Amino acid sequence: QACTDFFPRLQEGFSILIPWTPLLLIIATLFELIGGL
């Protein structure tokens, strides 16, 4: 978010994702474990 100050829409997208960090981590972990298995 800090490195994309030149592109406001991208910066806004990251600001929307930040509160969803726990859910994103759950999804990523499930993809890793299920895909790996």
PDB file of all heavy atoms in Angstrom:
ATOM      1  N   GLN A   1       0.838  -1.190   0.000  1.00  0.00           N
ATOM      2  CA  GLN A   1       0.000   0.000   0.000  1.00  0.00           C
ATOM      3  C   GLN A   1       0.882   1.253   0.000  1.00  0.00           C
ATOM      4  O   GLN A   1       0.617   2.206  -0.733  1.00  0.00           O
ATOM      5  CB  GLN A   1      -0.931   0.000   1.207  1.00  0.00           C
ATOM      6  CG  GLN A   1      -1.889   1.175   1.231  1.00  0.00           C
ATOM      7  CD  GLN A   1      -2.725   1.211   2.491  1.00  0.00           C
ATOM      8  OE1 GLN A   1      -2.328   0.676   3.516  1.00  0.00           O
ATOM      9  NE2 GLN A   1      -3.877   1.843   2.408  1.00  0.00           N
ATOM     10  N   ALA A   2       1.935   1.246   0.792  1.00  0.00           N
ATOM     11  CA  ALA A   2       2.838   2.393   0.869  1.00  0.00           C
ATOM     12  C   ALA A   2       3.636   2.583  -0.418  1.00  0.00           C
ATOM     13  O   ALA A   2       3.931   3.715  -0.806  1.00  0.00           O
ATOM     14  CB  ALA A   2       3.790   2.221   2.048  1.00  0.00           C
ATOM     15  N   CYS A   3       3.970   1.491  -1.086  1.00  0.00           N
ATOM     16  CA  CYS A   3       4.797   1.569  -2.296  1.00  0.00           C
ATOM     17  C   CYS A   3       3.987   1.869  -3.557  1.00  0.00           C
ATOM     18  O   CYS A   3       4.572   2.059  -4.622  1.00  0.00           O
ATOM     19  CB  CYS A   3       5.572   0.271  -2.487  1.00  0.00           C
ATOM     20  SG  CYS A   3       6.831   0.004  -1.241  1.00  0.00           S
ATOM     21  N   THR A   4       2.678   1.884  -3.452  1.00  0.00           N
ATOM     22  CA  THR A   4       1.853   2.116  -4.644  1.00  0.00           C
ATOM     23  C   THR A   4       1.160   3.474  -4.598  1.00  0.00           C
ATOM     24  O   THR A   4       0.086   3.643  -5.168  1.00  0.00           O
ATOM     25  CB  THR A   4       0.793   1.005  -4.790  1.00  0.00           C
ATOM     26  OG1 THR A   4       0.008   0.936  -3.598  1.00  0.00           O
ATOM     27  CG2 THR A   4       1.434  -0.334  -5.080  1.00  0.00           C
ATOM     28  N   ASP A   5       1.796   4.453  -3.942  1.00  0.00           N
ATOM     29  CA  ASP A   5       1.181   5.774  -3.831  1.00  0.00           C
ATOM     30  C   ASP A   5       1.043   6.466  -5.192  1.00  0.00           C
ATOM     31  O   ASP A   5       0.257   7.381  -5.342  1.00  0.00           O
ATOM     32  CB  ASP A   5       1.943   6.648  -2.848  1.00  0.00           C
ATOM     33  CG  ASP A   5       3.404   6.822  -3.208  1.00  0.00           C
ATOM     34  OD1 ASP A   5       3.883   6.123  -4.115  1.00  0.00           O
ATOM     35  OD2 ASP A   5       4.074   7.651  -2.560  1.00  0.00           O
ATOM     36  N   PHE A   6       1.766   5.999  -6.187  1.00  0.00           N
ATOM     37  CA  PHE A   6       1.673   6.551  -7.536  1.00  0.00           C
ATOM     38  C   PHE A   6       0.422   6.065  -8.278  1.00  0.00           C
ATOM     39  O   PHE A   6       0.074   6.592  -9.326  1.00  0.00           O
ATOM     40  CB  PHE A   6       2.914   6.176  -8.355  1.00  0.00           C
ATOM     41  CG  PHE A   6       3.112   4.681  -8.465  1.00  0.00           C
ATOM     42  CD1 PHE A   6       2.548   3.961  -9.500  1.00  0.00           C
ATOM     43  CD2 PHE A   6       3.875   4.005  -7.518  1.00  0.00           C
ATOM     44  CE1 PHE A   6       2.725   2.585  -9.589  1.00  0.00           C
ATOM     45  CE2 PHE A   6       4.056   2.638  -7.606  1.00  0.00           C
ATOM     46  CZ  PHE A   6       3.474   1.922  -8.634  1.00  0.00           C
ATOM     47  N   PHE A   7      -0.242   5.048  -7.723  1.00  0.00           N
ATOM     48  CA  PHE A   7      -1.417   4.470  -8.364  1.00  0.00           C
ATOM     49  C   PHE A   7      -2.536   4.360  -7.322  1.00  0.00           C
ATOM     50  O   PHE A   7      -2.636   3.346  -6.629  1.00  0.00           O
ATOM     51  CB  PHE A   7      -1.063   3.104  -8.963  1.00  0.00           C
ATOM     52  CG  PHE A   7      -2.046   2.580  -9.959  1.00  0.00           C
ATOM     53  CD1 PHE A   7      -2.461   3.351 -11.033  1.00  0.00           C
ATOM     54  CD2 PHE A   7      -2.571   1.309  -9.822  1.00  0.00           C
ATOM     55  CE1 PHE A   7      -3.372   2.862 -11.952  1.00  0.00           C
ATOM     56  CE2 PHE A   7      -3.481   0.810 -10.725  1.00  0.00           C
ATOM     57  CZ  PHE A   7      -3.883   1.596 -11.801  1.00  0.00           C
ATOM     58  N   PRO A   8      -3.353   5.393  -7.192  1.00  0.00           N
ATOM     59  CA  PRO A   8      -4.350   5.454  -6.106  1.00  0.00           C
ATOM     60  C   PRO A   8      -5.313   4.268  -6.058  1.00  0.00           C
ATOM     61  O   PRO A   8      -5.678   3.812  -4.976  1.00  0.00           O
ATOM     62  CB  PRO A   8      -5.109   6.753  -6.377  1.00  0.00           C
ATOM     63  CG  PRO A   8      -4.216   7.574  -7.230  1.00  0.00           C
ATOM     64  CD  PRO A   8      -3.372   6.614  -7.998  1.00  0.00           C
ATOM     65  N   ARG A   9      -5.739   3.754  -7.193  1.00  0.00           N
ATOM     66  CA  ARG A   9      -6.682   2.623  -7.181  1.00  0.00           C
ATOM     67  C   ARG A   9      -6.048   1.372  -6.568  1.00  0.00           C
ATOM     68  O   ARG A   9      -6.694   0.643  -5.836  1.00  0.00           O
ATOM     69  CB  ARG A   9      -7.174   2.319  -8.586  1.00  0.00           C
ATOM     70  CG  ARG A   9      -8.144   3.324  -9.105  1.00  0.00           C
ATOM     71  CD  ARG A   9      -9.107   2.624 -10.037  1.00  0.00           C
ATOM     72  NE  ARG A   9      -9.964   3.585 -10.670  1.00  0.00           N
ATOM     73  CZ  ARG A   9     -11.249   3.697 -10.387  1.00  0.00           C
ATOM     74  NH1 ARG A   9     -11.799   2.906  -9.513  1.00  0.00           N
ATOM     75  NH2 ARG A   9     -11.986   4.602 -10.994  1.00  0.00           N
ATOM     76  N   LEU A  10      -4.795   1.122  -6.906  1.00  0.00           N
ATOM     77  CA  LEU A  10      -4.089  -0.024  -6.340  1.00  0.00           C
ATOM     78  C   LEU A  10      -3.895   0.165  -4.838  1.00  0.00           C
ATOM     79  O   LEU A  10      -4.092  -0.766  -4.054  1.00  0.00           O
ATOM     80  CB  LEU A  10      -2.746  -0.203  -7.048  1.00  0.00           C
ATOM     81  CG  LEU A  10      -2.005  -1.504  -6.848  1.00  0.00           C
ATOM     82  CD1 LEU A  10      -2.879  -2.701  -7.222  1.00  0.00           C
ATOM     83  CD2 LEU A  10      -0.744  -1.527  -7.684  1.00  0.00           C
ATOM     84  N   GLN A  11      -3.544   1.371  -4.445  1.00  0.00           N
ATOM     85  CA  GLN A  11      -3.381   1.683  -3.030  1.00  0.00           C
ATOM     86  C   GLN A  11      -4.704   1.480  -2.285  1.00  0.00           C
ATOM     87  O   GLN A  11      -4.727   0.912  -1.193  1.00  0.00           O
ATOM     88  CB  GLN A  11      -2.901   3.125  -2.893  1.00  0.00           C
ATOM     89  CG  GLN A  11      -2.364   3.455  -1.543  1.00  0.00           C
ATOM     90  CD  GLN A  11      -1.757   4.841  -1.515  1.00  0.00           C
ATOM     91  OE1 GLN A  11      -2.222   5.751  -2.199  1.00  0.00           O
ATOM     92  NE2 GLN A  11      -0.722   5.000  -0.715  1.00  0.00           N
ATOM     93  N   GLU A  12      -5.790   1.892  -2.886  1.00  0.00           N
ATOM     94  CA  GLU A  12      -7.116   1.691  -2.288  1.00  0.00           C
ATOM     95  C   GLU A  12      -7.448   0.201  -2.183  1.00  0.00           C
ATOM     96  O   GLU A  12      -8.023  -0.248  -1.188  1.00  0.00           O
ATOM     97  CB  GLU A  12      -8.161   2.403  -3.146  1.00  0.00           C
ATOM     98  CG  GLU A  12      -9.555   2.356  -2.604  1.00  0.00           C
ATOM     99  CD  GLU A  12     -10.530   3.085  -3.527  1.00  0.00           C
ATOM    100  OE1 GLU A  12     -10.211   4.206  -3.970  1.00  0.00           O
ATOM    101  OE2 GLU A  12     -11.601   2.517  -3.799  1.00  0.00           O
ATOM    102  N   GLY A  13      -7.068  -0.568  -3.201  1.00  0.00           N
ATOM    103  CA  GLY A  13      -7.292  -2.017  -3.170  1.00  0.00           C
ATOM    104  C   GLY A  13      -6.584  -2.681  -2.006  1.00  0.00           C
ATOM    105  O   GLY A  13      -7.155  -3.534  -1.326  1.00  0.00           O
ATOM    106  N   PHE A  14      -5.352  -2.269  -1.758  1.00  0.00           N
ATOM    107  CA  PHE A  14      -4.621  -2.837  -0.615  1.00  0.00           C
ATOM    108  C   PHE A  14      -5.247  -2.409   0.705  1.00  0.00           C
ATOM    109  O   PHE A  14      -5.287  -3.181   1.654  1.00  0.00           O
ATOM    110  CB  PHE A  14      -3.140  -2.463  -0.674  1.00  0.00           C
ATOM    111  CG  PHE A  14      -2.380  -3.288  -1.667  1.00  0.00           C
ATOM    112  CD1 PHE A  14      -1.901  -2.735  -2.834  1.00  0.00           C
ATOM    113  CD2 PHE A  14      -2.156  -4.630  -1.442  1.00  0.00           C
ATOM    114  CE1 PHE A  14      -1.217  -3.490  -3.759  1.00  0.00           C
ATOM    115  CE2 PHE A  14      -1.472  -5.412  -2.365  1.00  0.00           C
ATOM    116  CZ  PHE A  14      -1.004  -4.837  -3.527  1.00  0.00           C
ATOM    117  N   SER A  15      -5.751  -1.173   0.771  1.00  0.00           N
ATOM    118  CA  SER A  15      -6.397  -0.738   2.010  1.00  0.00           C
ATOM    119  C   SER A  15      -7.678  -1.537   2.273  1.00  0.00           C
ATOM    120  O   SER A  15      -8.051  -1.756   3.424  1.00  0.00           O
ATOM    121  CB  SER A  15      -6.694   0.767   1.982  1.00  0.00           C
ATOM    122  OG  SER A  15      -7.698   1.068   1.045  1.00  0.00           O
ATOM    123  N   ILE A  16      -8.339  -2.007   1.229  1.00  0.00           N
ATOM    124  CA  ILE A  16      -9.519  -2.859   1.384  1.00  0.00           C
ATOM    125  C   ILE A  16      -9.104  -4.256   1.839  1.00  0.00           C
ATOM    126  O   ILE A  16      -9.789  -4.885   2.655  1.00  0.00           O
ATOM    127  CB  ILE A  16     -10.324  -2.922   0.067  1.00  0.00           C
ATOM    128  CG1 ILE A  16     -10.951  -1.556  -0.227  1.00  0.00           C
ATOM    129  CG2 ILE A  16     -11.377  -4.020   0.110  1.00  0.00           C
ATOM    130  CD1 ILE A  16     -11.548  -1.431  -1.616  1.00  0.00           C
ATOM    131  N   LEU A  17      -7.976  -4.777   1.339  1.00  0.00           N
ATOM    132  CA  LEU A  17      -7.524  -6.129   1.684  1.00  0.00           C
ATOM    133  C   LEU A  17      -6.987  -6.257   3.106  1.00  0.00           C
ATOM    134  O   LEU A  17      -7.125  -7.312   3.723  1.00  0.00           O
ATOM    135  CB  LEU A  17      -6.438  -6.578   0.706  1.00  0.00           C
ATOM    136  CG  LEU A  17      -6.869  -6.936  -0.705  1.00  0.00           C
ATOM    137  CD1 LEU A  17      -5.652  -7.284  -1.556  1.00  0.00           C
ATOM    138  CD2 LEU A  17      -7.860  -8.087  -0.688  1.00  0.00           C
ATOM    139  N   ILE A  18      -6.399  -5.204   3.632  1.00  0.00           N
ATOM    140  CA  ILE A  18      -5.725  -5.289   4.936  1.00  0.00           C
ATOM    141  C   ILE A  18      -6.643  -5.811   6.044  1.00  0.00           C
ATOM    142  O   ILE A  18      -6.239  -6.705   6.790  1.00  0.00           O
ATOM    143  CB  ILE A  18      -5.053  -3.942   5.294  1.00  0.00           C
ATOM    144  CG1 ILE A  18      -3.858  -3.726   4.360  1.00  0.00           C
ATOM    145  CG2 ILE A  18      -4.614  -3.903   6.757  1.00  0.00           C
ATOM    146  CD1 ILE A  18      -3.223  -2.357   4.442  1.00  0.00           C
ATOM    147  N   PRO A  19      -7.881  -5.320   6.179  1.00  0.00           N
ATOM    148  CA  PRO A  19      -8.740  -5.873   7.240  1.00  0.00           C
ATOM    149  C   PRO A  19      -9.107  -7.350   7.036  1.00  0.00           C
ATOM    150  O   PRO A  19      -9.515  -8.027   7.967  1.00  0.00           O
ATOM    151  CB  PRO A  19     -10.004  -5.007   7.185  1.00  0.00           C
ATOM    152  CG  PRO A  19      -9.641  -3.805   6.410  1.00  0.00           C
ATOM    153  CD  PRO A  19      -8.508  -4.186   5.523  1.00  0.00           C
ATOM    154  N   TRP A  20      -8.962  -7.842   5.822  1.00  0.00           N
ATOM    155  CA  TRP A  20      -9.299  -9.225   5.500  1.00  0.00           C
ATOM    156  C   TRP A  20      -8.103 -10.163   5.622  1.00  0.00           C
ATOM    157  O   TRP A  20      -8.163 -11.315   5.182  1.00  0.00           O
ATOM    158  CB  TRP A  20      -9.878  -9.304   4.079  1.00  0.00           C
ATOM    159  CG  TRP A  20     -11.193  -8.604   3.957  1.00  0.00           C
ATOM    160  CD1 TRP A  20     -11.409  -7.330   3.520  1.00  0.00           C
ATOM    161  CD2 TRP A  20     -12.468  -9.125   4.300  1.00  0.00           C
ATOM    162  NE1 TRP A  20     -12.744  -7.031   3.565  1.00  0.00           N
ATOM    163  CE2 TRP A  20     -13.419  -8.123   4.038  1.00  0.00           C
ATOM    164  CE3 TRP A  20     -12.901 -10.347   4.811  1.00  0.00           C
ATOM    165  CZ2 TRP A  20     -14.768  -8.309   4.275  1.00  0.00           C
ATOM    166  CZ3 TRP A  20     -14.249 -10.528   5.037  1.00  0.00           C
ATOM    167  CH2 TRP A  20     -15.163  -9.516   4.778  1.00  0.00           C
ATOM    168  N   THR A  21      -7.028  -9.698   6.228  1.00  0.00           N
ATOM    169  CA  THR A  21      -5.812 -10.501   6.357  1.00  0.00           C
ATOM    170  C   THR A  21      -6.064 -11.897   6.934  1.00  0.00           C
ATOM    171  O   THR A  21      -5.576 -12.883   6.368  1.00  0.00           O
ATOM    172  CB  THR A  21      -4.755  -9.737   7.184  1.00  0.00           C
ATOM    173  OG1 THR A  21      -4.452  -8.510   6.527  1.00  0.00           O
ATOM    174  CG2 THR A  21      -3.490 -10.551   7.341  1.00  0.00           C
ATOM    175  N   PRO A  22      -6.815 -12.044   8.029  1.00  0.00           N
ATOM    176  CA  PRO A  22      -7.032 -13.402   8.562  1.00  0.00           C
ATOM    177  C   PRO A  22      -7.722 -14.331   7.553  1.00  0.00           C
ATOM    178  O   PRO A  22      -7.313 -15.490   7.408  1.00  0.00           O
ATOM    179  CB  PRO A  22      -7.914 -13.176   9.791  1.00  0.00           C
ATOM    180  CG  PRO A  22      -7.664 -11.763  10.187  1.00  0.00           C
ATOM    181  CD  PRO A  22      -7.402 -11.033   8.907  1.00  0.00           C
ATOM    182  N   LEU A  23      -8.727 -13.828   6.858  1.00  0.00           N
ATOM    183  CA  LEU A  23      -9.422 -14.658   5.867  1.00  0.00           C
ATOM    184  C   LEU A  23      -8.498 -15.006   4.706  1.00  0.00           C
ATOM    185  O   LEU A  23      -8.494 -16.151   4.226  1.00  0.00           O
ATOM    186  CB  LEU A  23     -10.679 -13.953   5.351  1.00  0.00           C
ATOM    187  CG  LEU A  23     -11.483 -14.724   4.311  1.00  0.00           C
ATOM    188  CD1 LEU A  23     -12.010 -16.034   4.883  1.00  0.00           C
ATOM    189  CD2 LEU A  23     -12.622 -13.871   3.773  1.00  0.00           C
ATOM    190  N   LEU A  24      -7.713 -14.047   4.242  1.00  0.00           N
ATOM    191  CA  LEU A  24      -6.765 -14.311   3.151  1.00  0.00           C
ATOM    192  C   LEU A  24      -5.759 -15.387   3.556  1.00  0.00           C
ATOM    193  O   LEU A  24      -5.411 -16.262   2.750  1.00  0.00           O
ATOM    194  CB  LEU A  24      -6.028 -13.029   2.757  1.00  0.00           C
ATOM    195  CG  LEU A  24      -6.872 -11.931   2.120  1.00  0.00           C
ATOM    196  CD1 LEU A  24      -6.050 -10.660   1.946  1.00  0.00           C
ATOM    197  CD2 LEU A  24      -7.451 -12.385   0.797  1.00  0.00           C
ATOM    198  N   LEU A  25      -5.321 -15.333   4.804  1.00  0.00           N
ATOM    199  CA  LEU A  25      -4.358 -16.325   5.283  1.00  0.00           C
ATOM    200  C   LEU A  25      -5.001 -17.706   5.398  1.00  0.00           C
ATOM    201  O   LEU A  25      -4.367 -18.710   5.068  1.00  0.00           O
ATOM    202  CB  LEU A  25      -3.770 -15.877   6.620  1.00  0.00           C
ATOM    203  CG  LEU A  25      -2.552 -16.639   7.109  1.00  0.00           C
ATOM    204  CD1 LEU A  25      -1.412 -16.570   6.098  1.00  0.00           C
ATOM    205  CD2 LEU A  25      -2.095 -16.078   8.453  1.00  0.00           C
ATOM    206  N   ILE A  26      -6.252 -17.754   5.823  1.00  0.00           N
ATOM    207  CA  ILE A  26      -6.971 -19.034   5.883  1.00  0.00           C
ATOM    208  C   ILE A  26      -7.088 -19.632   4.486  1.00  0.00           C
ATOM    209  O   ILE A  26      -6.797 -20.817   4.268  1.00  0.00           O
ATOM    210  CB  ILE A  26      -8.368 -18.858   6.517  1.00  0.00           C
ATOM    211  CG1 ILE A  26      -8.242 -18.587   8.007  1.00  0.00           C
ATOM    212  CG2 ILE A  26      -9.245 -20.087   6.273  1.00  0.00           C
ATOM    213  CD1 ILE A  26      -9.543 -18.141   8.676  1.00  0.00           C
ATOM    214  N   ILE A  27      -7.498 -18.816   3.515  1.00  0.00           N
ATOM    215  CA  ILE A  27      -7.660 -19.300   2.138  1.00  0.00           C
ATOM    216  C   ILE A  27      -6.323 -19.778   1.581  1.00  0.00           C
ATOM    217  O   ILE A  27      -6.236 -20.853   0.986  1.00  0.00           O
ATOM    218  CB  ILE A  27      -8.284 -18.208   1.250  1.00  0.00           C
ATOM    219  CG1 ILE A  27      -9.733 -17.949   1.676  1.00  0.00           C
ATOM    220  CG2 ILE A  27      -8.211 -18.590  -0.231  1.00  0.00           C
ATOM    221  CD1 ILE A  27     -10.357 -16.720   1.054  1.00  0.00           C
ATOM    222  N   ALA A  28      -5.274 -18.982   1.779  1.00  0.00           N
ATOM    223  CA  ALA A  28      -3.944 -19.356   1.275  1.00  0.00           C
ATOM    224  C   ALA A  28      -3.477 -20.669   1.894  1.00  0.00           C
ATOM    225  O   ALA A  28      -2.959 -21.549   1.193  1.00  0.00           O
ATOM    226  CB  ALA A  28      -2.946 -18.242   1.568  1.00  0.00           C
ATOM    227  N   THR A  29      -3.688 -20.818   3.201  1.00  0.00           N
ATOM    228  CA  THR A  29      -3.256 -22.033   3.892  1.00  0.00           C
ATOM    229  C   THR A  29      -4.038 -23.247   3.399  1.00  0.00           C
ATOM    230  O   THR A  29      -3.459 -24.317   3.170  1.00  0.00           O
ATOM    231  CB  THR A  29      -3.417 -21.868   5.420  1.00  0.00           C
ATOM    232  OG1 THR A  29      -2.705 -20.694   5.827  1.00  0.00           O
ATOM    233  CG2 THR A  29      -2.885 -23.067   6.164  1.00  0.00           C
ATOM    234  N   LEU A  30      -5.341 -23.083   3.210  1.00  0.00           N
ATOM    235  CA  LEU A  30      -6.151 -24.186   2.681  1.00  0.00           C
ATOM    236  C   LEU A  30      -5.712 -24.577   1.272  1.00  0.00           C
ATOM    237  O   LEU A  30      -5.616 -25.766   0.952  1.00  0.00           O
ATOM    238  CB  LEU A  30      -7.634 -23.824   2.695  1.00  0.00           C
ATOM    239  CG  LEU A  30      -8.296 -23.824   4.069  1.00  0.00           C
ATOM    240  CD1 LEU A  30      -9.721 -23.284   3.981  1.00  0.00           C
ATOM    241  CD2 LEU A  30      -8.281 -25.215   4.678  1.00  0.00           C
ATOM    242  N   PHE A  31      -5.449 -23.589   0.420  1.00  0.00           N
ATOM    243  CA  PHE A  31      -4.979 -23.884  -0.933  1.00  0.00           C
ATOM    244  C   PHE A  31      -3.659 -24.650  -0.887  1.00  0.00           C
ATOM    245  O   PHE A  31      -3.464 -25.612  -1.632  1.00  0.00           O
ATOM    246  CB  PHE A  31      -4.814 -22.601  -1.747  1.00  0.00           C
ATOM    247  CG  PHE A  31      -6.064 -22.094  -2.385  1.00  0.00           C
ATOM    248  CD1 PHE A  31      -7.321 -22.317  -1.838  1.00  0.00           C
ATOM    249  CD2 PHE A  31      -6.007 -21.371  -3.563  1.00  0.00           C
ATOM    250  CE1 PHE A  31      -8.470 -21.846  -2.431  1.00  0.00           C
ATOM    251  CE2 PHE A  31      -7.150 -20.896  -4.177  1.00  0.00           C
ATOM    252  CZ  PHE A  31      -8.385 -21.130  -3.608  1.00  0.00           C
ATOM    253  N   GLU A  32      -2.745 -24.223  -0.007  1.00  0.00           N
ATOM    254  CA  GLU A  32      -1.455 -24.911   0.116  1.00  0.00           C
ATOM    255  C   GLU A  32      -1.624 -26.346   0.594  1.00  0.00           C
ATOM    256  O   GLU A  32      -1.056 -27.272   0.007  1.00  0.00           O
ATOM    257  CB  GLU A  32      -0.551 -24.179   1.110  1.00  0.00           C
ATOM    258  CG  GLU A  32       0.240 -23.061   0.525  1.00  0.00           C
ATOM    259  CD  GLU A  32       1.279 -22.556   1.500  1.00  0.00           C
ATOM    260  OE1 GLU A  32       0.910 -22.027   2.568  1.00  0.00           O
ATOM    261  OE2 GLU A  32       2.483 -22.688   1.184  1.00  0.00           O
ATOM    262  N   LEU A  33      -2.383 -26.529   1.659  1.00  0.00           N
ATOM    263  CA  LEU A  33      -2.519 -27.863   2.245  1.00  0.00           C
ATOM    264  C   LEU A  33      -3.335 -28.802   1.362  1.00  0.00           C
ATOM    265  O   LEU A  33      -2.922 -29.945   1.112  1.00  0.00           O
ATOM    266  CB  LEU A  33      -3.143 -27.766   3.640  1.00  0.00           C
ATOM    267  CG  LEU A  33      -2.256 -27.126   4.709  1.00  0.00           C
ATOM    268  CD1 LEU A  33      -3.032 -26.933   6.003  1.00  0.00           C
ATOM    269  CD2 LEU A  33      -1.003 -27.945   4.944  1.00  0.00           C
ATOM    270  N   ILE A  34      -4.475 -28.343   0.876  1.00  0.00           N
ATOM    271  CA  ILE A  34      -5.311 -29.202   0.027  1.00  0.00           C
ATOM    272  C   ILE A  34      -4.609 -29.492  -1.292  1.00  0.00           C
ATOM    273  O   ILE A  34      -4.531 -30.641  -1.730  1.00  0.00           O
ATOM    274  CB  ILE A  34      -6.703 -28.571  -0.197  1.00  0.00           C
ATOM    275  CG1 ILE A  34      -7.482 -28.530   1.122  1.00  0.00           C
ATOM    276  CG2 ILE A  34      -7.479 -29.341  -1.254  1.00  0.00           C
ATOM    277  CD1 ILE A  34      -8.753 -27.697   1.069  1.00  0.00           C
ATOM    278  N   GLY A  35      -4.065 -28.446  -1.920  1.00  0.00           N
ATOM    279  CA  GLY A  35      -3.349 -28.641  -3.179  1.00  0.00           C
ATOM    280  C   GLY A  35      -2.149 -29.549  -3.022  1.00  0.00           C
ATOM    281  O   GLY A  35      -1.907 -30.449  -3.833  1.00  0.00           O
ATOM    282  N   GLY A  36      -1.382 -29.346  -1.950  1.00  0.00           N
ATOM    283  CA  GLY A  36      -0.217 -30.186  -1.695  1.00  0.00           C
ATOM    284  C   GLY A  36      -0.591 -31.640  -1.447  1.00  0.00           C
ATOM    285  O   GLY A  36       0.063 -32.552  -1.959  1.00  0.00           O
ATOM    286  N   LEU A  37      -1.647 -31.864  -0.674  1.00  0.00           N
ATOM    287  CA  LEU A  37      -2.089 -33.238  -0.399  1.00  0.00           C
ATOM    288  C   LEU A  37      -2.610 -33.926  -1.662  1.00  0.00           C
ATOM    289  O   LEU A  37      -2.307 -35.100  -1.908  1.00  0.00           O
ATOM    290  CB  LEU A  37      -3.161 -33.252   0.685  1.00  0.00           C
ATOM    291  CG  LEU A  37      -2.656 -33.122   2.116  1.00  0.00           C
ATOM    292  CD1 LEU A  37      -3.819 -32.947   3.083  1.00  0.00           C
ATOM    293  CD2 LEU A  37      -1.808 -34.321   2.501  1.00  0.00           C
TER     294      LEU A  37
END
